[in-house]
Amino acid sequence: MADERPVRRSSKVKVAEFLAAVGEGKVFTKLQLFEGVPGVAQADRRMRDLRELGWKIDNYKTDPRLQPDEYRLTQIGTRIDLGEQPRESPRPRISAARRREALVGADFACQTCGMRAAEPYPDEDQTAVLSVHLIDPTPPVDTDLSNLRVECQRCYAGIRGGTAAPTTPQDVLTRASRLSSREEKRRLYRLMQSGRPERDEVDLVFGEWLRLGREDRVDVMLKLAGALIEDD
């Protein structure tokens, strides 16, 4: 007897199916996206993931004619909803000169935990080794300093290999709003602007913010700025 159980589809496949139904050149809202893929909590994040597969989706930052809650599907990429397999893309290359520039800009310290190159970890017999990687590897690859991140091996492994659910923009914004004083919020905002972490509760939130994509970082920073203005 044949197994008639339904095939489980990933969240990304469900979002691709919704976008393909919308059609190239058409505008849709964030609400329509979430309603179109019920049960997918981070549909907007899965939609951004599709850009790595050739899907081109504009928002108000790339097309000023769009409203903040609107998107336009400019081009359909790999049809993973139809079973197409993505082509392997070449590994992004960061030049030695640009890596050096990033390390110098970070003062040869991990931009997440603050450990300096060759500094011993206090809780184990190991020293910090720094690496430079892309924050957003979405093609076309941008190797500007704003898209580069310097991290020690523990922070890099924790982000790439951890089993915990990835931090969302709302997670960061919620923790930021719970900071106990206005001064802490101001300090967090200054850290977001400078890109230099420290090691207290404010800096832990700042470290999580740094792990977001570029668009999400700007969005959270602007919302925190709005909250500060409302508190005045």
Protein backbone atom coordinates (compact mmCIF):
# COMPACT_ATOMS: atom_id res chain seq x y z
CA MET A 1 0.00 0.00 0.00
CA ALA A 2 1.42 3.37 -1.03
CA ASP A 3 2.29 5.90 1.66
CA GLU A 4 -0.30 8.68 1.25
CA ARG A 5 1.05 10.96 3.95
CA PRO A 6 1.51 14.54 2.64
CA VAL A 7 5.04 15.66 1.84
CA ARG A 8 6.23 18.23 4.36
CA ARG A 9 7.27 21.49 2.69
CA SER A 10 9.79 23.87 4.18
CA SER A 11 8.90 27.44 5.13
CA LYS A 12 11.04 28.78 2.29
CA VAL A 13 9.21 26.59 -0.24
CA LYS A 14 5.84 27.83 1.04
CA VAL A 15 6.95 31.45 0.66
CA ALA A 16 8.28 30.76 -2.85
CA GLU A 17 4.93 29.22 -3.77
CA PHE A 18 3.08 32.30 -2.49
CA LEU A 19 5.35 34.71 -4.38
CA ALA A 20 5.08 32.74 -7.62
CA ALA A 21 1.30 32.98 -7.32
CA VAL A 22 1.59 36.75 -6.84
CA GLY A 23 3.54 37.01 -10.10
CA GLU A 24 6.42 39.10 -11.39
CA GLY A 25 5.90 42.84 -11.32
CA LYS A 26 3.08 42.65 -8.79
CA VAL A 27 2.97 44.49 -5.44
CA PHE A 28 1.93 42.81 -2.20
CA THR A 29 1.95 43.79 1.47
CA LYS A 30 3.61 42.20 4.48
CA LEU A 31 0.15 41.32 5.82
CA GLN A 32 -0.72 39.52 2.58
CA LEU A 33 2.55 37.62 2.84
CA PHE A 34 1.81 36.39 6.36
CA GLU A 35 -1.79 35.55 5.46
CA GLY A 36 -0.62 33.72 2.32
CA VAL A 37 1.70 31.40 4.25
CA PRO A 38 -0.16 30.65 7.51
CA GLY A 39 1.90 28.94 10.18
CA VAL A 40 5.20 30.44 8.99
CA ALA A 41 6.21 32.79 11.81
CA GLN A 42 9.17 34.41 10.02
CA ALA A 43 7.80 34.59 6.49
CA ASP A 44 9.55 37.90 5.80
CA ARG A 45 12.91 36.38 6.78
CA ARG A 46 12.29 33.32 4.57
CA MET A 47 11.41 35.71 1.75
CA ARG A 48 14.78 37.45 2.14
CA ASP A 49 16.48 34.04 2.04
CA LEU A 50 15.06 33.55 -1.45
CA ARG A 51 17.25 36.37 -2.75
CA GLU A 52 20.17 33.96 -2.56
CA LEU A 53 18.29 31.85 -5.12
CA GLY A 54 17.85 34.65 -7.64
CA TRP A 55 14.51 36.01 -6.46
CA LYS A 56 14.49 39.82 -6.74
CA ILE A 57 12.11 41.50 -4.30
CA ASP A 58 12.01 45.29 -3.94
CA ASN A 59 10.91 47.23 -0.86
CA TYR A 60 10.60 50.93 -0.09
CA LYS A 61 14.36 51.18 0.45
CA THR A 62 15.15 49.99 -3.08
CA ASP A 63 12.04 51.50 -4.73
CA PRO A 64 10.81 54.78 -3.17
CA ARG A 65 7.44 54.36 -4.90
CA LEU A 66 6.59 51.54 -2.48
CA GLN A 67 5.10 52.05 0.97
CA PRO A 68 7.02 50.75 4.05
CA ASP A 69 4.74 47.67 4.25
CA GLU A 70 4.82 46.92 0.51
CA TYR A 71 7.02 44.69 -1.66
CA ARG A 72 7.30 44.10 -5.39
CA LEU A 73 8.34 40.76 -6.89
CA THR A 74 10.68 41.94 -9.65
CA GLN A 75 12.01 38.56 -10.74
CA ILE A 76 11.27 34.91 -9.94
CA GLY A 77 14.39 32.89 -9.21
CA THR A 78 14.94 29.16 -8.70
CA ARG A 79 11.50 27.51 -8.45
CA ILE A 80 12.15 25.48 -5.33
CA ASP A 81 8.36 25.25 -4.97
CA LEU A 82 8.40 23.15 -8.15
CA GLY A 83 11.34 21.04 -7.07
CA GLU A 84 14.09 22.94 -8.90
CA GLN A 85 17.50 22.64 -7.27
CA PRO A 86 19.56 25.83 -6.79
CA ARG A 87 22.84 26.08 -8.62
CA GLU A 88 25.94 26.23 -6.47
CA SER A 89 27.39 29.73 -6.51
CA PRO A 90 31.11 30.45 -6.13
CA ARG A 91 32.25 31.16 -2.59
CA PRO A 92 32.43 34.94 -2.00
CA ARG A 93 36.01 36.18 -1.85
CA ILE A 94 37.20 38.94 0.47
CA SER A 95 40.56 40.33 -0.60
CA ALA A 96 43.51 40.26 1.79
CA ALA A 97 43.66 44.07 1.72
CA ARG A 98 39.98 44.36 2.65
CA ARG A 99 40.38 41.79 5.45
CA ARG A 100 43.27 43.80 6.84
CA GLU A 101 41.21 46.98 6.62
CA ALA A 102 38.36 45.31 8.57
CA LEU A 103 40.74 44.04 11.26
CA VAL A 104 42.34 47.46 11.68
CA GLY A 105 38.90 49.10 11.85
CA ALA A 106 37.88 46.66 14.59
CA ASP A 107 41.13 47.37 16.46
CA PHE A 108 42.00 43.65 16.12
CA ALA A 109 39.15 42.67 18.47
CA CYS A 110 36.06 40.48 18.06
CA GLN A 111 33.14 42.77 17.28
CA THR A 112 30.75 40.52 19.21
CA CYS A 113 32.48 39.69 22.50
CA GLY A 114 35.45 42.11 22.46
CA MET A 115 38.20 39.46 22.66
CA ARG A 116 41.45 40.62 21.06
CA ALA A 117 43.57 38.54 18.71
CA ALA A 118 45.69 36.00 20.68
CA GLU A 119 44.00 36.96 23.97
CA PRO A 120 43.42 33.86 26.15
CA TYR A 121 39.82 32.98 26.99
CA PRO A 122 39.31 33.19 30.77
CA ASP A 123 37.42 29.89 31.00
CA GLU A 124 39.56 27.59 28.83
CA ASP A 125 43.11 26.99 27.64
CA GLN A 126 42.63 28.60 24.25
CA THR A 127 43.41 31.94 22.65
CA ALA A 128 41.19 34.00 20.38
CA VAL A 129 41.70 33.70 16.63
CA LEU A 130 39.97 36.37 14.57
CA SER A 131 38.35 35.92 11.17
CA VAL A 132 36.56 38.27 8.77
CA HIS A 133 33.30 37.19 7.17
CA LEU A 134 30.34 38.63 5.31
CA ILE A 135 27.30 39.76 7.28
CA ASP A 136 25.03 39.42 4.26
CA PRO A 137 26.32 36.99 1.58
CA THR A 138 23.36 37.58 -0.74
CA PRO A 139 24.46 38.00 -4.38
CA PRO A 140 25.64 40.35 -5.74
CA VAL A 141 28.18 40.07 -2.94
CA ASP A 142 29.06 43.36 -1.24
CA THR A 143 32.53 43.43 0.35
CA ASP A 144 32.31 47.00 1.64
CA LEU A 145 33.39 47.38 5.26
CA SER A 146 29.76 47.89 6.30
CA ASN A 147 29.08 44.28 5.24
CA LEU A 148 32.14 42.75 6.94
CA ARG A 149 32.34 41.42 10.48
CA VAL A 150 35.36 40.52 12.61
CA GLU A 151 34.75 37.70 15.09
CA CYS A 152 36.70 35.23 17.19
CA GLN A 153 36.28 31.51 16.56
CA ARG A 154 33.87 31.00 19.47
CA CYS A 155 31.46 33.77 18.42
CA TYR A 156 31.61 32.72 14.76
CA ALA A 157 30.94 29.06 15.62
CA GLY A 158 28.16 30.06 18.00
CA ILE A 159 26.31 31.98 15.30
CA ARG A 160 26.89 29.53 12.44
CA GLY A 161 26.75 26.24 14.29
CA GLY A 162 24.50 26.83 17.29
CA THR A 163 21.25 24.94 17.74
CA ALA A 164 19.31 27.85 19.23
CA ALA A 165 16.74 29.64 17.10
CA PRO A 166 18.24 32.64 15.27
CA THR A 167 17.73 36.06 16.81
CA THR A 168 14.98 38.07 15.15
CA PRO A 169 14.73 41.87 14.87
CA GLN A 170 11.78 41.79 17.28
CA ASP A 171 13.85 39.82 19.83
CA VAL A 172 16.49 42.55 19.82
CA LEU A 173 13.96 45.38 19.94
CA THR A 174 12.07 43.73 22.82
CA ARG A 175 15.23 43.32 24.89
CA ALA A 176 16.25 46.88 24.10
CA SER A 177 12.88 48.22 25.26
CA ARG A 178 13.25 46.35 28.58
CA LEU A 179 16.49 48.07 29.52
CA SER A 180 16.00 49.54 32.97
CA SER A 181 16.92 53.16 32.31
CA ARG A 182 16.86 55.78 29.60
CA GLU A 183 20.65 56.11 29.88
CA GLU A 184 21.07 52.42 29.03
CA LYS A 185 18.90 52.88 25.94
CA ARG A 186 20.95 55.92 24.92
CA ARG A 187 24.16 53.96 25.43
CA LEU A 188 22.84 51.06 23.35
CA TYR A 189 21.94 53.49 20.57
CA ARG A 190 25.46 54.98 20.68
CA LEU A 191 26.92 51.47 20.45
CA MET A 192 24.73 50.72 17.43
CA GLN A 193 26.11 53.84 15.79
CA SER A 194 29.76 53.15 16.63
CA GLY A 195 29.80 49.38 16.11
CA ARG A 196 32.02 48.81 19.16
CA PRO A 197 30.68 46.38 21.80
CA GLU A 198 31.47 46.09 25.49
CA ARG A 199 30.39 43.41 27.97
CA ASP A 200 27.37 44.40 30.06
CA GLU A 201 23.62 43.83 29.45
CA VAL A 202 23.42 46.72 27.01
CA ASP A 203 26.29 45.24 25.04
CA LEU A 204 24.71 41.78 24.99
CA VAL A 205 21.70 43.30 23.24
CA PHE A 206 24.07 45.21 21.00
CA GLY A 207 25.86 41.96 20.08
CA GLU A 208 22.56 40.36 19.08
CA TRP A 209 21.68 43.44 17.02
CA LEU A 210 24.99 43.13 15.18
CA ARG A 211 24.05 39.60 14.10
CA LEU A 212 20.96 40.82 12.22
CA GLY A 213 21.04 41.56 8.50
CA ARG A 214 21.80 45.10 7.36
CA GLU A 215 18.19 46.08 6.70
CA ASP A 216 17.03 44.67 10.03
CA ARG A 217 19.81 46.52 11.89
CA VAL A 218 18.75 49.85 10.40
CA ASP A 219 15.09 49.11 11.12
CA VAL A 220 15.71 48.24 14.79
CA MET A 221 18.00 51.26 15.28
CA LEU A 222 15.39 53.63 13.85
CA LYS A 223 12.65 52.14 16.03
CA LEU A 224 14.83 52.55 19.11
CA ALA A 225 15.46 56.17 18.09
CA GLY A 226 11.68 56.68 17.82
CA ALA A 227 11.18 55.21 21.30
CA LEU A 228 13.80 57.60 22.69
CA ILE A 229 12.03 60.56 21.10
CA GLU A 230 8.70 59.45 22.59
CA ASP A 231 10.31 59.20 26.03
CA ASP A 232 11.45 62.85 25.88
